[in-house]
Amino acid sequence: MKIGFPFFLGMSNFIKKSGISRYLKGSIIGIGLSLIPLVVVLEVTDGMIQGITSRYLEIGTYHLEIFFNKGENREKLKEITGNINKIKGIRETIIERRGMGLIFAGGIRTAVTLRAIPKNLFARDAGYRKYVRITDGKSGFKTDSSILISKSIADELKLKVGGRVALVTVSGGLYAEGKPRFGFFTVTGIFTTGYQELDKMLVFIPLEKGIKFLNSTNSYQIIGVKVDNPFGDLTGIARAMERYLPGGTAVYSWYELELSQYKSFQTTKALLLLIMALIVIVASINISSSMIMIVIEKSREIAILKGIGAYPWMITGAFMLTGFVSGTAGTVLGLILGILISININELFVFAQNLINIVVAAVNYTIQPLSGHKVLSSFRIFNSAYYLDRIPIKLDFYEIFIIAIGTIMLTTLASYFPAKKAGLLKPLELLRRY
C-alpha cells in the first residue's frame, strides 16, 4: 500500500484523462529535441574520426611502421618480414619504398608522393581493397611500368586509363648535386580513398620498379605492419619485432605517427559534445519549472492526502516519479529521433544540398537576365577536399546508453527540489487557502 500510493499519485500527475499533463509536454519535447543534436554530433564525429583513422591505419601509416636507417636489399627485407610474420598478433607485413617526384602529362606537371608497393598487395590485403576504391581501370599492376594515380591528380592532369605519364625523381644528398631520373608509365587505374588529404598527391608504382627508380638518397624504405588489434597496446608487438631488426632501425606505431591529428579529432569531438551536453542540461533543468506548476495545481489534493495520513516521503516520491517518467519519455523520444537521423545522415545531407541548390538555381534563373551574371553559386554541405566523401555511421550503443542514463538522472534530480517542497507543504495552511 505504501509503495503503491506514490506510484499511483506520480502516474496520475503524468497522465491525465486528456493525455500527458500540459505542463510536462513541453518539457518532454524540449528534452527530446535537445538530445537529437547530441546523438547526431556524437555519431557523426565518431563516424568521421573512425573513417579517417581507418584509412590512415590501412593505407597511410599502417598499424606499425619499421623505418630503416639505410637501404636493405630485397632478400634481407624478405627475411625480416618472414621472421616478423611469426609473431603472435601480426596479420600482415608490407615492404614499401616511399619518395617524392614530379609527374608530367599533357604539358602539365604536379608534385606527387610515390609509393612503391608489391604487385599482389591489392589481392592479399583487405584494407587496400576496402579503402582504395578504383573509379576507372583495375587495381594492381599489369607490368613494371604500370602506375595507379589518385582521382584528384587525374583530374588535375586530365588523365584517363591508358594514358602515358613521365615521372621524374632527383637523387643526391643534401649537399650533393642532384641527378634526375626519368621514367615513363602507363596509367592502369584511377582510385580514390574517399579522403582528399590522402588522395591529393598519392600514386602507386610496382615495388620492383620503385627500388630501381627510387634510391636511398631520395626515398626511404619501410615495412608496414598490420596487427589483429590496432587500437590495443602495440608496445609488446613492437618490442618483439625489434629482435629481428638490424641496428639503426626505428619502429613507430600509428599513435606516434598520427598523434597530433588524432588528438585534434578527439579534442574537437569533446568540445562539440560539451556544447551539446549544456543544451541537454538546460532542457533537463527546465522540467523543474513544470514540476513547480504541477505542485501548485495539486496543492489542494496534497493537503487532503496529507490530512488523511500520507507521509511527506510519499508525496516527495510521487513527484520524483513524475519527473523520472517525464525524463524517460523525453529521453526515449530524443534517442529514437537522433538515431534515425544519424543512420540516414548522408541521405539527409544530399537531400538538403539538392533542395538548397534548387532554390539557388531558381534565384539565378530569375535574376541573371537582369544582372548579367549568376548571383549565387551552387552549395555543398560536405566538400570532399576537406572531409570524407561519405560519413561511415556505426552506432555505439554503450555511449547512447550513457547518454540515456545521464539524461534521466538529470531530469530526476531536477524534479527533486519541487518534489521535496511538495512533501514539506503543511496541510492546514493549504486548506485555509481553499
Protein backbone atom coordinates (compact mmCIF):
# COMPACT_ATOMS: atom_id res chain seq x y z
CA MET A 1 0.00 0.00 0.00
CA LYS A 2 2.72 2.44 0.97
CA ILE A 3 4.64 1.77 -2.26
CA GLY A 4 1.55 1.65 -4.44
CA PHE A 5 0.25 5.04 -3.33
CA PRO A 6 3.27 7.13 -4.52
CA PHE A 7 3.30 5.20 -7.79
CA PHE A 8 -0.42 5.88 -8.40
CA LEU A 9 -0.08 9.57 -7.48
CA GLY A 10 3.06 10.02 -9.58
CA MET A 11 1.50 8.48 -12.65
CA SER A 12 -1.71 10.48 -12.16
CA ASN A 13 0.43 13.63 -12.22
CA PHE A 14 1.96 12.49 -15.50
CA ILE A 15 -1.12 11.20 -17.32
CA LYS A 16 -4.49 12.93 -17.21
CA LYS A 17 -7.74 11.85 -18.78
CA SER A 18 -6.91 14.04 -21.75
CA GLY A 19 -3.38 12.64 -22.05
CA ILE A 20 0.03 13.75 -20.79
CA SER A 21 -0.06 16.75 -18.44
CA ARG A 22 0.08 20.02 -20.35
CA TYR A 23 2.88 21.22 -18.09
CA LEU A 24 5.06 18.22 -18.91
CA LYS A 25 4.50 18.04 -22.66
CA GLY A 26 6.78 21.00 -23.33
CA SER A 27 9.48 19.61 -21.04
CA ILE A 28 9.36 16.18 -22.68
CA ILE A 29 9.59 17.70 -26.16
CA GLY A 30 12.39 20.02 -25.00
CA ILE A 31 14.43 17.12 -23.61
CA GLY A 32 13.84 15.12 -26.79
CA LEU A 33 14.86 17.97 -29.08
CA SER A 34 17.97 18.70 -27.01
CA LEU A 35 19.11 15.08 -27.28
CA ILE A 36 18.81 14.96 -31.08
CA PRO A 37 21.85 17.17 -31.80
CA LEU A 38 23.85 15.46 -29.04
CA VAL A 39 23.27 12.00 -30.51
CA VAL A 40 23.82 13.16 -34.10
CA VAL A 41 27.04 15.04 -33.24
CA LEU A 42 28.30 12.03 -31.28
CA GLU A 43 27.66 9.53 -34.07
CA VAL A 44 28.80 11.82 -36.91
CA THR A 45 32.07 12.78 -35.18
CA ASP A 46 32.70 9.14 -34.25
CA GLY A 47 31.98 8.15 -37.85
CA MET A 48 34.31 10.79 -39.30
CA ILE A 49 37.13 10.02 -36.84
CA GLN A 50 36.73 6.30 -37.48
CA GLY A 51 36.54 6.78 -41.25
CA ILE A 52 39.65 8.98 -41.45
CA THR A 53 41.62 6.97 -38.89
CA SER A 54 40.79 3.66 -40.59
CA ARG A 55 42.06 4.96 -43.91
CA TYR A 56 45.33 6.11 -42.36
CA LEU A 57 45.70 2.81 -40.50
CA GLU A 58 45.12 0.63 -43.54
CA ILE A 59 46.81 2.57 -46.35
CA GLY A 60 48.61 5.51 -44.75
CA THR A 61 50.75 4.86 -41.69
CA TYR A 62 49.70 1.21 -41.25
CA HIS A 63 49.41 -0.01 -37.64
CA LEU A 64 53.16 -0.04 -37.13
CA GLU A 65 55.95 1.14 -39.40
CA ILE A 66 59.56 -0.04 -39.43
CA PHE A 67 61.99 2.61 -40.73
CA PHE A 68 65.45 1.59 -41.92
CA ASN A 69 68.44 3.87 -41.46
CA LYS A 70 69.95 2.56 -44.69
CA GLY A 71 68.64 0.73 -47.72
CA GLU A 72 68.27 -3.01 -47.25
CA ASN A 73 68.35 -5.40 -50.17
CA ARG A 74 65.22 -7.28 -51.18
CA GLU A 75 66.36 -10.63 -49.81
CA LYS A 76 67.14 -9.13 -46.39
CA LEU A 77 63.72 -7.48 -46.27
CA LYS A 78 62.02 -10.77 -47.13
CA GLU A 79 63.95 -12.47 -44.34
CA ILE A 80 62.87 -9.79 -41.85
CA THR A 81 59.20 -9.97 -42.85
CA GLY A 82 59.31 -13.78 -42.67
CA ASN A 83 60.52 -13.61 -39.06
CA ILE A 84 58.09 -10.85 -38.09
CA ASN A 85 55.11 -12.74 -39.50
CA LYS A 86 55.75 -15.49 -36.94
CA ILE A 87 55.00 -13.09 -34.06
CA LYS A 88 51.59 -13.65 -32.49
CA GLY A 89 49.11 -10.88 -33.27
CA ILE A 90 50.68 -9.77 -36.57
CA ARG A 91 48.35 -10.07 -39.54
CA GLU A 92 50.29 -8.62 -42.48
CA THR A 93 53.71 -7.16 -43.38
CA ILE A 94 54.17 -4.94 -46.42
CA ILE A 95 57.53 -3.95 -47.92
CA GLU A 96 57.28 -0.43 -49.33
CA ARG A 97 59.56 2.32 -50.64
CA ARG A 98 58.40 5.94 -50.49
CA GLY A 99 59.66 9.10 -52.11
CA MET A 100 58.73 12.33 -53.87
CA GLY A 101 58.68 13.14 -57.54
CA LEU A 102 57.18 15.16 -60.36
CA ILE A 103 54.66 13.74 -62.79
CA PHE A 104 54.18 15.22 -66.30
CA ALA A 105 51.27 14.76 -68.70
CA GLY A 106 49.92 16.96 -71.47
CA GLY A 107 52.22 19.85 -70.62
CA ILE A 108 51.02 19.90 -67.01
CA ARG A 109 53.12 18.82 -64.04
CA THR A 110 52.49 18.30 -60.36
CA ALA A 111 54.36 17.01 -57.30
CA VAL A 112 53.42 13.53 -56.12
CA THR A 113 54.14 11.14 -53.27
CA LEU A 114 55.47 7.94 -54.81
CA ARG A 115 54.70 4.72 -53.03
CA ALA A 116 56.22 1.54 -54.43
CA ILE A 117 54.18 -1.45 -53.22
CA PRO A 118 54.12 -5.20 -54.01
CA LYS A 119 52.24 -6.15 -57.18
CA ASN A 120 49.91 -8.53 -55.34
CA LEU A 121 49.11 -6.18 -52.45
CA PHE A 122 45.54 -5.44 -53.54
CA ALA A 123 44.83 -9.14 -53.90
CA ARG A 124 46.19 -10.13 -50.50
CA ASP A 125 45.33 -7.16 -48.27
CA ALA A 126 41.70 -6.49 -47.31
CA GLY A 127 42.47 -2.95 -46.13
CA TYR A 128 43.66 -1.83 -49.55
CA ARG A 129 40.71 -3.50 -51.25
CA LYS A 130 38.29 -1.76 -48.90
CA TYR A 131 39.66 1.78 -48.82
CA VAL A 132 41.37 2.17 -52.22
CA ARG A 133 38.33 2.35 -54.46
CA ILE A 134 39.10 2.06 -58.17
CA THR A 135 36.96 4.55 -60.12
CA ASP A 136 38.39 3.65 -63.52
CA GLY A 137 40.59 0.79 -64.71
CA LYS A 138 41.81 -2.01 -62.45
CA SER A 139 43.73 -2.38 -59.22
CA GLY A 140 47.17 -3.95 -59.26
CA PHE A 141 49.86 -3.62 -61.91
CA LYS A 142 49.97 -5.30 -65.33
CA THR A 143 53.65 -4.53 -65.88
CA ASP A 144 56.56 -2.86 -64.09
CA SER A 145 55.65 0.34 -65.98
CA SER A 146 52.08 0.45 -64.65
CA ILE A 147 51.01 3.28 -62.36
CA LEU A 148 47.91 3.90 -60.24
CA ILE A 149 47.07 7.57 -59.69
CA SER A 150 44.53 9.25 -57.45
CA LYS A 151 41.44 10.83 -58.96
CA SER A 152 42.47 14.32 -57.83
CA ILE A 153 45.77 14.00 -59.75
CA ALA A 154 43.98 12.50 -62.75
CA ASP A 155 41.57 15.44 -62.81
CA GLU A 156 44.40 17.94 -62.47
CA LEU A 157 46.43 16.38 -65.31
CA LYS A 158 43.35 15.43 -67.36
CA LEU A 159 44.43 11.79 -67.40
CA LYS A 160 42.47 8.67 -68.21
CA VAL A 161 43.23 4.96 -68.04
CA GLY A 162 45.72 4.07 -70.76
CA GLY A 163 47.36 7.50 -70.68
CA ARG A 164 51.14 7.87 -70.58
CA VAL A 165 52.91 9.93 -67.94
CA ALA A 166 56.52 10.90 -67.32
CA LEU A 167 57.83 10.57 -63.80
CA VAL A 168 60.91 12.41 -62.56
CA THR A 169 62.83 11.96 -59.31
CA VAL A 170 66.05 13.61 -58.21
CA SER A 171 68.80 11.62 -56.49
CA GLY A 172 71.58 13.09 -54.41
CA GLY A 173 72.13 14.10 -50.79
CA LEU A 174 71.56 17.43 -49.12
CA TYR A 175 74.83 18.92 -50.41
CA ALA A 176 75.36 16.73 -53.46
CA GLU A 177 74.38 17.77 -56.94
CA GLY A 178 71.01 16.29 -57.81
CA LYS A 179 70.77 13.86 -60.70
CA PRO A 180 67.29 13.48 -62.22
CA ARG A 181 65.86 10.11 -63.12
CA PHE A 182 63.18 9.82 -65.78
CA GLY A 183 60.66 7.07 -66.28
CA PHE A 184 57.55 6.56 -68.39
CA PHE A 185 54.48 4.84 -67.01
CA THR A 186 51.06 3.81 -68.27
CA VAL A 187 48.01 4.60 -66.16
CA THR A 188 46.22 1.32 -65.44
CA GLY A 189 43.93 2.54 -62.67
CA ILE A 190 42.48 5.68 -61.14
CA PHE A 191 41.49 5.47 -57.47
CA THR A 192 40.14 7.37 -54.52
CA THR A 193 40.47 6.66 -50.82
CA GLY A 194 37.42 8.79 -50.05
CA TYR A 195 39.57 11.31 -48.18
CA GLN A 196 41.21 14.13 -50.11
CA GLU A 197 44.06 14.57 -47.64
CA LEU A 198 45.33 11.14 -48.67
CA ASP A 199 44.40 11.43 -52.34
CA LYS A 200 45.84 14.79 -53.33
CA MET A 201 49.44 13.66 -54.03
CA LEU A 202 49.28 9.87 -53.97
CA VAL A 203 50.43 7.49 -56.73
CA PHE A 204 51.35 3.79 -56.57
CA ILE A 205 54.00 2.04 -58.64
CA PRO A 206 55.28 -1.58 -58.50
CA LEU A 207 57.85 -2.29 -55.79
CA GLU A 208 60.38 -3.78 -58.24
CA LYS A 209 60.31 -0.61 -60.34
CA GLY A 210 60.33 1.60 -57.27
CA ILE A 211 63.51 0.02 -55.87
CA LYS A 212 65.30 0.84 -59.13
CA PHE A 213 63.66 4.22 -59.64
CA LEU A 214 63.97 5.49 -56.07
CA ASN A 215 67.34 5.18 -54.37
CA SER A 216 68.32 5.72 -50.74
CA THR A 217 69.09 9.43 -51.24
CA ASN A 218 65.65 10.41 -52.50
CA SER A 219 63.44 7.90 -50.70
CA TYR A 220 63.15 5.77 -47.60
CA GLN A 221 62.42 2.12 -47.01
CA ILE A 222 59.73 0.89 -44.65
CA ILE A 223 57.94 -2.27 -43.69
CA GLY A 224 54.29 -1.63 -42.88
CA VAL A 225 52.89 -3.95 -40.24
CA LYS A 226 49.23 -4.72 -39.61
CA VAL A 227 48.08 -6.38 -36.40
CA ASP A 228 44.88 -8.04 -35.20
CA ASN A 229 44.05 -5.22 -32.75
CA PRO A 230 45.46 -1.85 -33.91
CA PHE A 231 43.67 0.04 -31.11
CA GLY A 232 45.24 -2.07 -28.36
CA ASP A 233 48.65 -1.75 -26.73
CA LEU A 234 51.22 -2.12 -29.52
CA THR A 235 54.29 -1.84 -27.28
CA GLY A 236 54.69 -5.60 -26.80
CA ILE A 237 54.50 -6.33 -30.53
CA ALA A 238 56.99 -3.54 -31.29
CA ARG A 239 59.47 -4.98 -28.78
CA ALA A 240 59.03 -8.47 -30.19
CA MET A 241 59.81 -7.19 -33.70
CA GLU A 242 63.00 -5.43 -32.58
CA ARG A 243 64.69 -8.81 -32.06
CA TYR A 244 64.69 -9.40 -35.80
CA LEU A 245 65.69 -5.90 -36.92
CA PRO A 246 69.18 -4.63 -37.78
CA GLY A 247 70.82 -1.78 -35.87
CA GLY A 248 69.68 1.77 -36.59
CA THR A 249 66.11 0.64 -37.27
CA ALA A 250 63.17 2.51 -35.73
CA VAL A 251 59.68 1.18 -35.03
CA TYR A 252 56.76 3.61 -34.72
CA SER A 253 53.10 2.92 -34.01
CA TRP A 254 50.29 4.81 -35.70
CA TYR A 255 49.65 6.55 -32.37
CA GLU A 256 53.08 8.19 -32.66
CA LEU A 257 52.91 8.90 -36.39
CA GLU A 258 49.44 10.47 -36.31
CA LEU A 259 49.26 11.57 -32.67
CA SER A 260 48.67 15.29 -33.34
CA GLN A 261 45.88 14.65 -35.82
CA TYR A 262 44.21 12.02 -33.65
CA LYS A 263 44.36 14.28 -30.57
CA SER A 264 42.94 17.13 -32.65
CA PHE A 265 39.98 14.96 -33.66
CA GLN A 266 39.34 13.89 -30.07
CA THR A 267 39.57 17.48 -28.76
CA THR A 268 37.13 18.73 -31.40
CA LYS A 269 34.73 15.93 -30.55
CA ALA A 270 34.94 16.69 -26.81
CA LEU A 271 34.23 20.41 -27.35
CA LEU A 272 31.24 19.70 -29.59
CA LEU A 273 29.82 17.19 -27.11
CA LEU A 274 30.30 19.66 -24.24
CA ILE A 275 28.27 22.29 -26.07
CA MET A 276 25.53 19.79 -26.91
CA ALA A 277 25.54 18.47 -23.32
CA LEU A 278 24.95 22.01 -21.98
CA ILE A 279 21.80 22.19 -24.10
CA VAL A 280 20.61 18.89 -22.63
CA ILE A 281 21.36 20.10 -19.08
CA VAL A 282 19.31 23.27 -19.62
CA ALA A 283 16.42 21.25 -21.07
CA SER A 284 16.58 18.78 -18.18
CA ILE A 285 16.55 21.53 -15.56
CA ASN A 286 13.51 23.09 -17.25
CA ILE A 287 11.49 20.16 -16.01
CA SER A 288 11.82 21.71 -12.55
CA SER A 289 9.58 24.63 -13.56
CA SER A 290 6.99 22.20 -14.93
CA MET A 291 7.02 20.31 -11.65
CA ILE A 292 6.51 23.54 -9.70
CA MET A 293 3.40 24.27 -11.75
CA ILE A 294 2.08 20.76 -11.06
CA VAL A 295 2.74 21.15 -7.32
CA ILE A 296 0.80 24.44 -7.33
CA GLU A 297 -2.03 22.83 -9.28
CA LYS A 298 -2.11 19.83 -6.95
CA SER A 299 -1.82 21.83 -3.69
CA ARG A 300 -5.37 21.11 -2.58
CA GLU A 301 -5.04 17.37 -3.29
CA ILE A 302 -1.71 17.30 -1.44
CA ALA A 303 -3.35 18.94 1.59
CA ILE A 304 -6.17 16.39 1.63
CA LEU A 305 -3.79 13.43 1.17
CA LYS A 306 -1.54 14.61 3.99
CA GLY A 307 -4.62 15.27 6.14
CA ILE A 308 -5.71 11.63 5.81
CA GLY A 309 -2.29 10.27 6.69
CA ALA A 310 0.02 10.46 3.68
CA TYR A 311 3.66 10.74 4.72
CA PRO A 312 5.89 13.52 3.32
CA TRP A 313 8.19 10.93 1.68
CA MET A 314 5.20 9.52 -0.20
CA ILE A 315 4.39 12.92 -1.69
CA THR A 316 8.04 13.59 -2.49
CA GLY A 317 8.45 10.14 -4.01
CA ALA A 318 5.33 10.55 -6.14
CA PHE A 319 6.51 13.83 -7.67
CA MET A 320 10.02 12.47 -8.22
CA LEU A 321 8.45 9.54 -10.06
CA THR A 322 6.61 12.05 -12.23
CA GLY A 323 9.93 13.72 -13.07
CA PHE A 324 11.58 10.35 -13.70
CA VAL A 325 8.84 9.20 -16.09
CA SER A 326 8.87 12.55 -17.89
CA GLY A 327 12.64 12.43 -18.28
CA THR A 328 12.49 8.86 -19.54
CA ALA A 329 9.81 9.75 -22.09
CA GLY A 330 11.84 12.72 -23.35
CA THR A 331 14.99 10.63 -23.47
CA VAL A 332 13.36 7.83 -25.46
CA LEU A 333 11.87 10.37 -27.88
CA GLY A 334 15.20 12.13 -28.38
CA LEU A 335 17.25 8.96 -28.76
CA ILE A 336 14.88 7.44 -31.32
CA LEU A 337 14.87 10.60 -33.45
CA GLY A 338 18.62 11.10 -33.00
CA ILE A 339 19.41 7.53 -34.06
CA LEU A 340 17.09 7.73 -37.08
CA ILE A 341 18.71 10.98 -38.23
CA SER A 342 22.22 9.60 -37.61
CA ILE A 343 21.82 6.44 -39.67
CA ASN A 344 20.33 8.47 -42.53
CA ILE A 345 22.66 11.48 -42.20
CA ASN A 346 24.32 11.02 -45.60
CA GLU A 347 20.99 10.88 -47.41
CA LEU A 348 19.71 13.89 -45.44
CA PHE A 349 22.80 15.89 -46.40
CA VAL A 350 22.27 15.05 -50.06
CA PHE A 351 18.56 15.94 -49.84
CA ALA A 352 19.28 19.27 -48.09
CA GLN A 353 22.05 20.09 -50.58
CA ASN A 354 19.81 19.35 -53.57
CA LEU A 355 16.95 21.36 -52.07
CA ILE A 356 19.18 24.39 -51.48
CA ASN A 357 20.64 24.13 -54.97
CA ILE A 358 17.13 24.10 -56.46
CA VAL A 359 16.47 27.39 -54.68
CA VAL A 360 19.85 28.73 -55.85
CA ALA A 361 19.07 27.75 -59.45
CA ALA A 362 15.64 29.40 -59.24
CA VAL A 363 17.16 32.63 -57.89
CA ASN A 364 19.84 32.67 -60.61
CA TYR A 365 17.25 31.93 -63.30
CA THR A 366 15.16 34.87 -62.12
CA ILE A 367 17.89 37.45 -61.51
CA GLN A 368 20.58 36.50 -64.07
CA PRO A 369 18.76 38.09 -67.05
CA LEU A 370 18.72 41.40 -65.12
CA SER A 371 22.21 41.33 -63.59
CA GLY A 372 24.01 39.55 -66.42
CA HIS A 373 25.73 37.03 -64.13
CA LYS A 374 24.93 34.40 -61.54
CA VAL A 375 24.08 35.86 -58.15
CA LEU A 376 24.55 32.67 -56.15
CA SER A 377 26.92 29.74 -56.62
CA SER A 378 25.98 26.12 -56.05
CA PHE A 379 26.04 24.94 -52.44
CA ARG A 380 27.90 21.95 -50.99
CA ILE A 381 27.41 20.79 -47.41
CA PHE A 382 30.43 18.49 -47.44
CA ASN A 383 33.41 19.45 -49.53
CA SER A 384 35.38 16.29 -50.29
CA ALA A 385 38.55 18.39 -50.43
CA TYR A 386 38.42 18.58 -46.64
CA TYR A 387 36.14 15.79 -45.47
CA LEU A 388 35.22 12.23 -46.29
CA ASP A 389 33.03 11.78 -49.34
CA ARG A 390 30.68 9.74 -47.13
CA ILE A 391 30.42 9.51 -43.34
CA PRO A 392 30.53 5.93 -42.07
CA ILE A 393 27.97 5.58 -39.27
CA LYS A 394 28.27 2.78 -36.75
CA LEU A 395 26.11 3.22 -33.68
CA ASP A 396 27.90 2.97 -30.35
CA PHE A 397 25.14 1.68 -28.06
CA TYR A 398 27.35 1.95 -24.99
CA GLU A 399 27.69 5.72 -25.50
CA ILE A 400 23.97 6.00 -26.24
CA PHE A 401 23.23 4.10 -23.02
CA ILE A 402 25.44 6.52 -21.04
CA ILE A 403 23.59 9.48 -22.59
CA ALA A 404 20.23 7.94 -21.68
CA ILE A 405 21.21 7.23 -18.06
CA GLY A 406 22.76 10.68 -17.65
CA THR A 407 19.71 12.49 -19.02
CA ILE A 408 17.25 10.52 -16.88
CA MET A 409 19.36 11.16 -13.77
CA LEU A 410 19.49 14.89 -14.54
CA THR A 411 15.73 15.15 -15.00
CA THR A 412 15.05 13.14 -11.85
CA LEU A 413 17.48 15.31 -9.88
CA ALA A 414 15.87 18.48 -11.29
CA SER A 415 12.48 17.27 -10.06
CA TYR A 416 13.79 16.61 -6.55
CA PHE A 417 13.53 20.16 -5.25
CA PRO A 418 9.88 20.77 -6.30
CA ALA A 419 9.07 17.25 -5.06
CA LYS A 420 10.75 17.95 -1.72
CA LYS A 421 8.80 21.18 -1.39
CA ALA A 422 5.57 19.32 -2.11
CA GLY A 423 6.38 16.82 0.63
CA LEU A 424 7.01 19.63 3.18
CA LEU A 425 3.75 21.50 2.49
CA LYS A 426 1.60 21.87 5.60
CA PRO A 427 -1.98 20.66 5.06
CA LEU A 428 -3.70 23.09 7.46
CA GLU A 429 -2.17 26.13 5.77
CA LEU A 430 -3.18 24.81 2.37
CA LEU A 431 -6.75 24.03 3.43
CA ARG A 432 -7.20 27.54 4.87
CA ARG A 433 -6.46 28.98 1.44
CA TYR A 434 -9.29 26.98 -0.07
